[in-house]
Amino acid sequence: MLAIRLPQEIENRLSVLAEKTGRTKTYYAREAILEYLDDLEDFYLAEQRYADIQAGKSETVSFEDVMRDYGLED
């Protein structure tokens, strides 16, 4: 379980949204956290991939090769 304190302005916005949509504030807080976690995980994965490429531990694949390998050429 997680308890957070929000600035009053954000709390008010969240309350209005919940009231207008019939969903709970918890629902919107959970959705926002999940979306943000997805973005952070993608960012850190990309950052690690870039570091691996820079260090020569990984190689890139051209867009043309991907298109050809998956039969997506025009």
PDB file of N, CA and C in Angstrom:
ATOM      1  N   MET A   1       0.840  -1.185   0.000  1.00  0.00           N
ATOM      2  CA  MET A   1       0.000   0.000   0.000  1.00  0.00           C
ATOM      3  C   MET A   1       0.874   1.234   0.000  1.00  0.00           C
ATOM      4  N   LEU A   2       0.388   2.260  -0.634  1.00  0.00           N
ATOM      5  CA  LEU A   2       1.137   3.503  -0.773  1.00  0.00           C
ATOM      6  C   LEU A   2       0.235   4.665  -0.418  1.00  0.00           C
ATOM      7  N   ALA A   3       0.721   5.554   0.404  1.00  0.00           N
ATOM      8  CA  ALA A   3      -0.016   6.779   0.717  1.00  0.00           C
ATOM      9  C   ALA A   3       0.841   7.949   0.268  1.00  0.00           C
ATOM     10  N   ILE A   4       0.245   8.880  -0.452  1.00  0.00           N
ATOM     11  CA  ILE A   4       1.010  10.036  -0.917  1.00  0.00           C
ATOM     12  C   ILE A   4       0.269  11.318  -0.566  1.00  0.00           C
ATOM     13  N   ARG A   5       1.024  12.365  -0.368  1.00  0.00           N
ATOM     14  CA  ARG A   5       0.459  13.692  -0.153  1.00  0.00           C
ATOM     15  C   ARG A   5       0.646  14.467  -1.450  1.00  0.00           C
ATOM     16  N   LEU A   6      -0.427  15.063  -1.895  1.00  0.00           N
ATOM     17  CA  LEU A   6      -0.390  15.843  -3.120  1.00  0.00           C
ATOM     18  C   LEU A   6      -0.625  17.303  -2.800  1.00  0.00           C
ATOM     19  N   PRO A   7      -0.037  18.199  -3.583  1.00  0.00           N
ATOM     20  CA  PRO A   7      -0.382  19.615  -3.419  1.00  0.00           C
ATOM     21  C   PRO A   7      -1.898  19.783  -3.615  1.00  0.00           C
ATOM     22  N   GLN A   8      -2.485  20.721  -2.921  1.00  0.00           N
ATOM     23  CA  GLN A   8      -3.932  20.898  -2.938  1.00  0.00           C
ATOM     24  C   GLN A   8      -4.480  21.071  -4.354  1.00  0.00           C
ATOM     25  N   GLU A   9      -3.766  21.789  -5.200  1.00  0.00           N
ATOM     26  CA  GLU A   9      -4.234  22.004  -6.577  1.00  0.00           C
ATOM     27  C   GLU A   9      -4.373  20.677  -7.330  1.00  0.00           C
ATOM     28  N   ILE A  10      -3.396  19.801  -7.181  1.00  0.00           N
ATOM     29  CA  ILE A  10      -3.448  18.498  -7.853  1.00  0.00           C
ATOM     30  C   ILE A  10      -4.544  17.640  -7.242  1.00  0.00           C
ATOM     31  N   GLU A  11      -4.669  17.680  -5.934  1.00  0.00           N
ATOM     32  CA  GLU A  11      -5.733  16.936  -5.253  1.00  0.00           C
ATOM     33  C   GLU A  11      -7.104  17.378  -5.765  1.00  0.00           C
ATOM     34  N   ASN A  12      -7.281  18.679  -5.926  1.00  0.00           N
ATOM     35  CA  ASN A  12      -8.557  19.200  -6.431  1.00  0.00           C
ATOM     36  C   ASN A  12      -8.820  18.742  -7.859  1.00  0.00           C
ATOM     37  N   ARG A  13      -7.821  18.827  -8.701  1.00  0.00           N
ATOM     38  CA  ARG A  13      -7.976  18.391 -10.093  1.00  0.00           C
ATOM     39  C   ARG A  13      -8.342  16.909 -10.158  1.00  0.00           C
ATOM     40  N   LEU A  14      -7.669  16.117  -9.356  1.00  0.00           N
ATOM     41  CA  LEU A  14      -7.930  14.686  -9.314  1.00  0.00           C
ATOM     42  C   LEU A  14      -9.352  14.406  -8.829  1.00  0.00           C
ATOM     43  N   SER A  15      -9.771  15.129  -7.822  1.00  0.00           N
ATOM     44  CA  SER A  15     -11.129  14.953  -7.297  1.00  0.00           C
ATOM     45  C   SER A  15     -12.181  15.308  -8.339  1.00  0.00           C
ATOM     46  N   VAL A  16     -11.978  16.398  -9.050  1.00  0.00           N
ATOM     47  CA  VAL A  16     -12.928  16.814 -10.087  1.00  0.00           C
ATOM     48  C   VAL A  16     -12.986  15.776 -11.199  1.00  0.00           C
ATOM     49  N   LEU A  17     -11.837  15.302 -11.622  1.00  0.00           N
ATOM     50  CA  LEU A  17     -11.793  14.287 -12.676  1.00  0.00           C
ATOM     51  C   LEU A  17     -12.524  13.026 -12.233  1.00  0.00           C
ATOM     52  N   ALA A  18     -12.258  12.578 -11.031  1.00  0.00           N
ATOM     53  CA  ALA A  18     -12.897  11.366 -10.513  1.00  0.00           C
ATOM     54  C   ALA A  18     -14.412  11.549 -10.446  1.00  0.00           C
ATOM     55  N   GLU A  19     -14.839  12.696  -9.973  1.00  0.00           N
ATOM     56  CA  GLU A  19     -16.274  12.953  -9.857  1.00  0.00           C
ATOM     57  C   GLU A  19     -16.947  12.993 -11.229  1.00  0.00           C
ATOM     58  N   LYS A  20     -16.309  13.645 -12.185  1.00  0.00           N
ATOM     59  CA  LYS A  20     -16.897  13.775 -13.517  1.00  0.00           C
ATOM     60  C   LYS A  20     -16.958  12.453 -14.268  1.00  0.00           C
ATOM     61  N   THR A  21     -16.046  11.549 -13.987  1.00  0.00           N
ATOM     62  CA  THR A  21     -15.961  10.302 -14.754  1.00  0.00           C
ATOM     63  C   THR A  21     -16.515   9.094 -14.015  1.00  0.00           C
ATOM     64  N   GLY A  22     -16.802   9.255 -12.740  1.00  0.00           N
ATOM     65  CA  GLY A  22     -17.316   8.135 -11.969  1.00  0.00           C
ATOM     66  C   GLY A  22     -16.258   7.121 -11.579  1.00  0.00           C
ATOM     67  N   ARG A  23     -15.019   7.479 -11.737  1.00  0.00           N
ATOM     68  CA  ARG A  23     -13.920   6.600 -11.311  1.00  0.00           C
ATOM     69  C   ARG A  23     -13.339   7.150 -10.009  1.00  0.00           C
ATOM     70  N   THR A  24     -12.505   6.350  -9.369  1.00  0.00           N
ATOM     71  CA  THR A  24     -11.916   6.794  -8.103  1.00  0.00           C
ATOM     72  C   THR A  24     -10.614   7.539  -8.344  1.00  0.00           C
ATOM     73  N   LYS A  25     -10.235   8.327  -7.346  1.00  0.00           N
ATOM     74  CA  LYS A  25      -8.933   8.993  -7.405  1.00  0.00           C
ATOM     75  C   LYS A  25      -7.819   7.950  -7.435  1.00  0.00           C
ATOM     76  N   THR A  26      -8.034   6.854  -6.728  1.00  0.00           N
ATOM     77  CA  THR A  26      -7.046   5.769  -6.710  1.00  0.00           C
ATOM     78  C   THR A  26      -6.840   5.211  -8.106  1.00  0.00           C
ATOM     79  N   TYR A  27      -7.930   5.053  -8.849  1.00  0.00           N
ATOM     80  CA  TYR A  27      -7.818   4.548 -10.217  1.00  0.00           C
ATOM     81  C   TYR A  27      -6.881   5.437 -11.040  1.00  0.00           C
ATOM     82  N   TYR A  28      -7.111   6.749 -10.987  1.00  0.00           N
ATOM     83  CA  TYR A  28      -6.298   7.657 -11.788  1.00  0.00           C
ATOM     84  C   TYR A  28      -4.857   7.737 -11.294  1.00  0.00           C
ATOM     85  N   ALA A  29      -4.658   7.669  -9.999  1.00  0.00           N
ATOM     86  CA  ALA A  29      -3.291   7.667  -9.468  1.00  0.00           C
ATOM     87  C   ALA A  29      -2.553   6.417  -9.930  1.00  0.00           C
ATOM     88  N   ARG A  30      -3.228   5.267  -9.871  1.00  0.00           N
ATOM     89  CA  ARG A  30      -2.616   4.007 -10.311  1.00  0.00           C
ATOM     90  C   ARG A  30      -2.268   4.075 -11.801  1.00  0.00           C
ATOM     91  N   GLU A  31      -3.214   4.545 -12.611  1.00  0.00           N
ATOM     92  CA  GLU A  31      -2.973   4.648 -14.054  1.00  0.00           C
ATOM     93  C   GLU A  31      -1.799   5.575 -14.362  1.00  0.00           C
ATOM     94  N   ALA A  32      -1.730   6.695 -13.673  1.00  0.00           N
ATOM     95  CA  ALA A  32      -0.642   7.649 -13.900  1.00  0.00           C
ATOM     96  C   ALA A  32       0.708   7.042 -13.519  1.00  0.00           C
ATOM     97  N   ILE A  33       0.745   6.339 -12.406  1.00  0.00           N
ATOM     98  CA  ILE A  33       1.993   5.701 -11.968  1.00  0.00           C
ATOM     99  C   ILE A  33       2.414   4.625 -12.958  1.00  0.00           C
ATOM    100  N   LEU A  34       1.481   3.805 -13.393  1.00  0.00           N
ATOM    101  CA  LEU A  34       1.818   2.744 -14.351  1.00  0.00           C
ATOM    102  C   LEU A  34       2.350   3.322 -15.660  1.00  0.00           C
ATOM    103  N   GLU A  35       1.710   4.365 -16.144  1.00  0.00           N
ATOM    104  CA  GLU A  35       2.165   5.001 -17.389  1.00  0.00           C
ATOM    105  C   GLU A  35       3.575   5.570 -17.224  1.00  0.00           C
ATOM    106  N   TYR A  36       3.806   6.219 -16.102  1.00  0.00           N
ATOM    107  CA  TYR A  36       5.111   6.806 -15.847  1.00  0.00           C
ATOM    108  C   TYR A  36       6.177   5.717 -15.691  1.00  0.00           C
ATOM    109  N   LEU A  37       5.848   4.633 -15.008  1.00  0.00           N
ATOM    110  CA  LEU A  37       6.792   3.524 -14.869  1.00  0.00           C
ATOM    111  C   LEU A  37       7.146   2.923 -16.223  1.00  0.00           C
ATOM    112  N   ASP A  38       6.145   2.756 -17.082  1.00  0.00           N
ATOM    113  CA  ASP A  38       6.415   2.248 -18.431  1.00  0.00           C
ATOM    114  C   ASP A  38       7.400   3.144 -19.161  1.00  0.00           C
ATOM    115  N   ASP A  39       7.178   4.448 -19.071  1.00  0.00           N
ATOM    116  CA  ASP A  39       8.067   5.402 -19.737  1.00  0.00           C
ATOM    117  C   ASP A  39       9.484   5.349 -19.156  1.00  0.00           C
ATOM    118  N   LEU A  40       9.587   5.292 -17.838  1.00  0.00           N
ATOM    119  CA  LEU A  40      10.900   5.221 -17.194  1.00  0.00           C
ATOM    120  C   LEU A  40      11.639   3.941 -17.562  1.00  0.00           C
ATOM    121  N   GLU A  41      10.924   2.831 -17.553  1.00  0.00           N
ATOM    122  CA  GLU A  41      11.559   1.562 -17.913  1.00  0.00           C
ATOM    123  C   GLU A  41      12.053   1.600 -19.357  1.00  0.00           C
ATOM    124  N   ASP A  42      11.250   2.152 -20.260  1.00  0.00           N
ATOM    125  CA  ASP A  42      11.678   2.295 -21.654  1.00  0.00           C
ATOM    126  C   ASP A  42      12.910   3.181 -21.760  1.00  0.00           C
ATOM    127  N   PHE A  43      12.908   4.287 -21.027  1.00  0.00           N
ATOM    128  CA  PHE A  43      14.037   5.211 -21.065  1.00  0.00           C
ATOM    129  C   PHE A  43      15.316   4.530 -20.593  1.00  0.00           C
ATOM    130  N   TYR A  44      15.256   3.863 -19.452  1.00  0.00           N
ATOM    131  CA  TYR A  44      16.458   3.228 -18.917  1.00  0.00           C
ATOM    132  C   TYR A  44      16.925   2.058 -19.780  1.00  0.00           C
ATOM    133  N   LEU A  45      15.998   1.350 -20.390  1.00  0.00           N
ATOM    134  CA  LEU A  45      16.371   0.288 -21.319  1.00  0.00           C
ATOM    135  C   LEU A  45      17.105   0.882 -22.529  1.00  0.00           C
ATOM    136  N   ALA A  46      16.572   1.964 -23.074  1.00  0.00           N
ATOM    137  CA  ALA A  46      17.211   2.623 -24.219  1.00  0.00           C
ATOM    138  C   ALA A  46      18.576   3.183 -23.834  1.00  0.00           C
ATOM    139  N   GLU A  47      18.661   3.752 -22.652  1.00  0.00           N
ATOM    140  CA  GLU A  47      19.931   4.299 -22.169  1.00  0.00           C
ATOM    141  C   GLU A  47      20.982   3.187 -22.046  1.00  0.00           C
ATOM    142  N   GLN A  48      20.584   2.042 -21.506  1.00  0.00           N
ATOM    143  CA  GLN A  48      21.506   0.919 -21.370  1.00  0.00           C
ATOM    144  C   GLN A  48      21.909   0.376 -22.734  1.00  0.00           C
ATOM    145  N   ARG A  49      20.952   0.287 -23.632  1.00  0.00           N
ATOM    146  CA  ARG A  49      21.235  -0.186 -24.998  1.00  0.00           C
ATOM    147  C   ARG A  49      22.242   0.731 -25.679  1.00  0.00           C
ATOM    148  N   TYR A  50      22.052   2.034 -25.530  1.00  0.00           N
ATOM    149  CA  TYR A  50      22.967   2.999 -26.117  1.00  0.00           C
ATOM    150  C   TYR A  50      24.373   2.847 -25.527  1.00  0.00           C
ATOM    151  N   ALA A  51      24.453   2.676 -24.222  1.00  0.00           N
ATOM    152  CA  ALA A  51      25.751   2.489 -23.572  1.00  0.00           C
ATOM    153  C   ALA A  51      26.432   1.215 -24.080  1.00  0.00           C
ATOM    154  N   ASP A  52      25.654   0.147 -24.278  1.00  0.00           N
ATOM    155  CA  ASP A  52      26.205  -1.100 -24.800  1.00  0.00           C
ATOM    156  C   ASP A  52      26.722  -0.919 -26.225  1.00  0.00           C
ATOM    157  N   ILE A  53      26.010  -0.160 -27.038  1.00  0.00           N
ATOM    158  CA  ILE A  53      26.461   0.112 -28.404  1.00  0.00           C
ATOM    159  C   ILE A  53      27.746   0.925 -28.375  1.00  0.00           C
ATOM    160  N   GLN A  54      27.781   1.943 -27.542  1.00  0.00           N
ATOM    161  CA  GLN A  54      28.980   2.789 -27.428  1.00  0.00           C
ATOM    162  C   GLN A  54      30.188   1.980 -26.961  1.00  0.00           C
ATOM    163  N   ALA A  55      29.961   0.986 -26.101  1.00  0.00           N
ATOM    164  CA  ALA A  55      31.045   0.167 -25.554  1.00  0.00           C
ATOM    165  C   ALA A  55      31.403  -1.004 -26.468  1.00  0.00           C
ATOM    166  N   GLY A  56      30.701  -1.131 -27.578  1.00  0.00           N
ATOM    167  CA  GLY A  56      30.978  -2.224 -28.503  1.00  0.00           C
ATOM    168  C   GLY A  56      30.422  -3.563 -28.051  1.00  0.00           C
ATOM    169  N   LYS A  57      29.521  -3.564 -27.077  1.00  0.00           N
ATOM    170  CA  LYS A  57      28.935  -4.806 -26.573  1.00  0.00           C
ATOM    171  C   LYS A  57      27.704  -5.219 -27.369  1.00  0.00           C
ATOM    172  N   SER A  58      27.215  -4.322 -28.193  1.00  0.00           N
ATOM    173  CA  SER A  58      26.012  -4.582 -28.965  1.00  0.00           C
ATOM    174  C   SER A  58      26.125  -3.885 -30.308  1.00  0.00           C
ATOM    175  N   GLU A  59      25.404  -4.383 -31.285  1.00  0.00           N
ATOM    176  CA  GLU A  59      25.436  -3.788 -32.615  1.00  0.00           C
ATOM    177  C   GLU A  59      24.059  -3.285 -32.992  1.00  0.00           C
ATOM    178  N   THR A  60      24.019  -2.380 -33.947  1.00  0.00           N
ATOM    179  CA  THR A  60      22.752  -1.870 -34.447  1.00  0.00           C
ATOM    180  C   THR A  60      22.336  -2.635 -35.696  1.00  0.00           C
ATOM    181  N   VAL A  61      21.073  -2.501 -36.049  1.00  0.00           N
ATOM    182  CA  VAL A  61      20.541  -3.104 -37.262  1.00  0.00           C
ATOM    183  C   VAL A  61      19.891  -1.981 -38.051  1.00  0.00           C
ATOM    184  N   SER A  62      20.174  -1.919 -39.331  1.00  0.00           N
ATOM    185  CA  SER A  62      19.610  -0.842 -40.139  1.00  0.00           C
ATOM    186  C   SER A  62      18.107  -1.029 -40.313  1.00  0.00           C
ATOM    187  N   PHE A  63      17.432   0.078 -40.543  1.00  0.00           N
ATOM    188  CA  PHE A  63      15.994   0.054 -40.793  1.00  0.00           C
ATOM    189  C   PHE A  63      15.687  -0.799 -42.018  1.00  0.00           C
ATOM    190  N   GLU A  64      16.504  -0.678 -43.028  1.00  0.00           N
ATOM    191  CA  GLU A  64      16.293  -1.453 -44.253  1.00  0.00           C
ATOM    192  C   GLU A  64      16.381  -2.950 -43.977  1.00  0.00           C
ATOM    193  N   ASP A  65      17.342  -3.356 -43.141  1.00  0.00           N
ATOM    194  CA  ASP A  65      17.479  -4.774 -42.793  1.00  0.00           C
ATOM    195  C   ASP A  65      16.257  -5.283 -42.023  1.00  0.00           C
ATOM    196  N   VAL A  66      15.754  -4.489 -41.111  1.00  0.00           N
ATOM    197  CA  VAL A  66      14.568  -4.885 -40.353  1.00  0.00           C
ATOM    198  C   VAL A  66      13.380  -5.041 -41.292  1.00  0.00           C
ATOM    199  N   MET A  67      13.187  -4.066 -42.158  1.00  0.00           N
ATOM    200  CA  MET A  67      12.071  -4.126 -43.105  1.00  0.00           C
ATOM    201  C   MET A  67      12.177  -5.382 -43.978  1.00  0.00           C
ATOM    202  N   ARG A  68      13.385  -5.682 -44.456  1.00  0.00           N
ATOM    203  CA  ARG A  68      13.591  -6.854 -45.315  1.00  0.00           C
ATOM    204  C   ARG A  68      13.375  -8.134 -44.525  1.00  0.00           C
ATOM    205  N   ASP A  69      13.933  -8.210 -43.313  1.00  0.00           N
ATOM    206  CA  ASP A  69      13.833  -9.438 -42.518  1.00  0.00           C
ATOM    207  C   ASP A  69      12.401  -9.776 -42.132  1.00  0.00           C
ATOM    208  N   TYR A  70      11.559  -8.768 -41.992  1.00  0.00           N
ATOM    209  CA  TYR A  70      10.171  -8.997 -41.604  1.00  0.00           C
ATOM    210  C   TYR A  70       9.213  -8.894 -42.794  1.00  0.00           C
ATOM    211  N   GLY A  71       9.755  -8.843 -44.012  1.00  0.00           N
ATOM    212  CA  GLY A  71       8.934  -8.827 -45.198  1.00  0.00           C
ATOM    213  C   GLY A  71       8.073  -7.597 -45.330  1.00  0.00           C
ATOM    214  N   LEU A  72       8.585  -6.469 -44.892  1.00  0.00           N
ATOM    215  CA  LEU A  72       7.806  -5.233 -44.900  1.00  0.00           C
ATOM    216  C   LEU A  72       8.268  -4.237 -45.965  1.00  0.00           C
ATOM    217  N   GLU A  73       9.050  -4.710 -46.886  1.00  0.00           N
ATOM    218  CA  GLU A  73       9.521  -3.839 -47.955  1.00  0.00           C
ATOM    219  C   GLU A  73       8.353  -3.476 -48.874  1.00  0.00           C
ATOM    220  N   ASP A  74       8.453  -2.328 -49.488  1.00  0.00           N
ATOM    221  CA  ASP A  74       7.416  -1.895 -50.444  1.00  0.00           C
ATOM    222  C   ASP A  74       7.412  -2.742 -51.680  1.00  0.00           C
TER     223      ASP A  74
END
